[in-house]
C-alpha cells in the first residue's frame, strides 16, 4: 500500500482517498458538556486534522457541522479538504430507511454530502424511535437484517451524491464476503472500521482486507477509557505498556504517539478520540519520525488478541 507521505492519505478503491489520522468524536451525551465537541473539532482542524469520524448516535453531529462551517467561513479550509465519516445505526437497516437516515444526518450537519457512510454494525435492532429498543425484561429487541439489501440502499446513496464513498464497520471476513459476493454488486466496501491497536492487531482481517483493497480504519487505537459500562476493564491499559514507553523515549514521543505511528505505518487509518486540546495536538505529531522494522515487529509481538470494546449487544 503506497502511503502518500506529503498529505498523509491512503487511496480508497473508488478513487477517493482518506487521511491516515482522524479525530474520533464519540461522546457520552450524559457526561460530555455541551460545546466540547465543537471546540475539539475546531482545535483539530487548526492542528492539521482533515478527517473527522462521527455518528448520529453520538448526538453531537450538529457541533461537528458547526465547527466545519465556522472553519470554512474563516477561510481556514474548504469543504473538499474535510473527510467526514457518518454511520448508519442499527435501527435503520431496512433499505427504505437508509436514505432518509443519511438525509437526516446531512440536515443535522448542514452539509451536502458525507465523504464516507458506513454500516455501523452488522446486526440490527427493531426499527423505531428507540435507539436501543428493549423488552420488558431489559433485553435488546433485535431485527432480522439483510445486509445485502442494506448495502444496495447505500449504493443508491452514493449514486445520488449523498456519500462519496461507502463502507462498513465491525464486519468480520464472512460478512464482508457476503457483500462482495452479492449478485449485481455495484460498489464494494472501501473500508472496514474495527477496533485495532497494539494489543489487538487484527492480523488476519488486515491481510484479508489488504488483498481486497479494503482499508482498515482502527477505532480505540490507544485503548479506551476505563468505563465499565462498555469496556473490558480487566484488560491492561495499553498506554502503560513498557515496550511502547521505551520506544517512545528513544524518539522523544509518548506511548500514544508510538501506538498511532505503528498503525499508520502499516496502512491502518487511526481515529483517536479526544476532546483534550493538548492531546489532540499531540496525537497529530506522528508524521515526523518512522519506526524501524525491528520496532514494528516488537510492537506486533504485543498482540494479546484483547478487545477493549466488547460490544456485548
Foldseek 3Di string as FASTA:
>chain_A
DDQPLVLQWAAFPVRRIGHQEAAEAQDDVVPDDPPLSLLLLLLLVVLPHQEYEYEVVSVCLLSNLVSVVVCVVVVSDPPVSHAYEYEDAQLQQQLVRQVVVLVVSCVSSVHQAHAEYEHEEPWHFHHDDDSQDADPVRHTHTDDHDNQSSVVSVVVCCVVVRYVAYAYEPDAPVRLVCNVVDPPRDDRHREYEYADWLQAHPVVRCVVCVVVNHAYAHECHQQDDCDPVFWPNVDDRRQVDPLLCVVCVVVVAGSLLSRSLLCSVVRHRYHYYDSDSVVSSRNVPNSPDHDDPVSSVVSNVNHNNDDTGPPPD
